[in-house]
Amino acid sequence: MSKITIQERFTIDGVLTDVTAIVLSDPTGTFGVKRNDTGAVVVADGTAMTKVSTGVYSYTFTEPAAGLAYTYWVEWQYGGETYRYEGTVLGAAGGRVCTLTDVKSRLGIDSTDYDTVLSRIIAGLEGVFNGHVGRSLIVTAADVTEYYTGCGPYLQLARYPI
């Protein structure tokens, strides 16, 4: 079984900023992380995320089966206000930026001689990309909902880049 890490970054005016408190908790208080295929709770409601560095928080769990999709909710407090948003994370065999078949087709490779090394390169590059932005790049607009209050000419989003 593989491990999945949810990592979130919080910035104010482009500067990483610590929140007052942060937990995995959906609006109904039912779960922190759940499987999308069965709805089974994988991480309990109210589970605290760990501070990695200023403004960066994470939580790691072991997926019960390979390649599943999971929904999670992050609830955080900052400046006396409570905020939350929903995210989706994919397991180890889940969606990929590109597939081995795609890469082999582009390179004109028909044999399986290089499958292992190409798979490692794909996974490594995805790790570099995900590490650079602090989250998985395999997220669609339908996967994420963010709620904000306030006004002004700028809106600081929790998920970037757009």
Foldseek 3Di string as FASTA:
>chain_A
DDKDKAKFFDDDPRHTADFPFKFWADPVQAEFKAFPVPRHHQGHHGHGWDDPDRRMTMDMDDDPDAWTKMKIKMWTHHPNDIWMKIAMDTGPNYDFPDDLVVVCVVVVHDDCPCVVVVVVVRVVVQVVVCVVQVHGPPGDPVGMDTDDDDDDDDDDDRHDDD
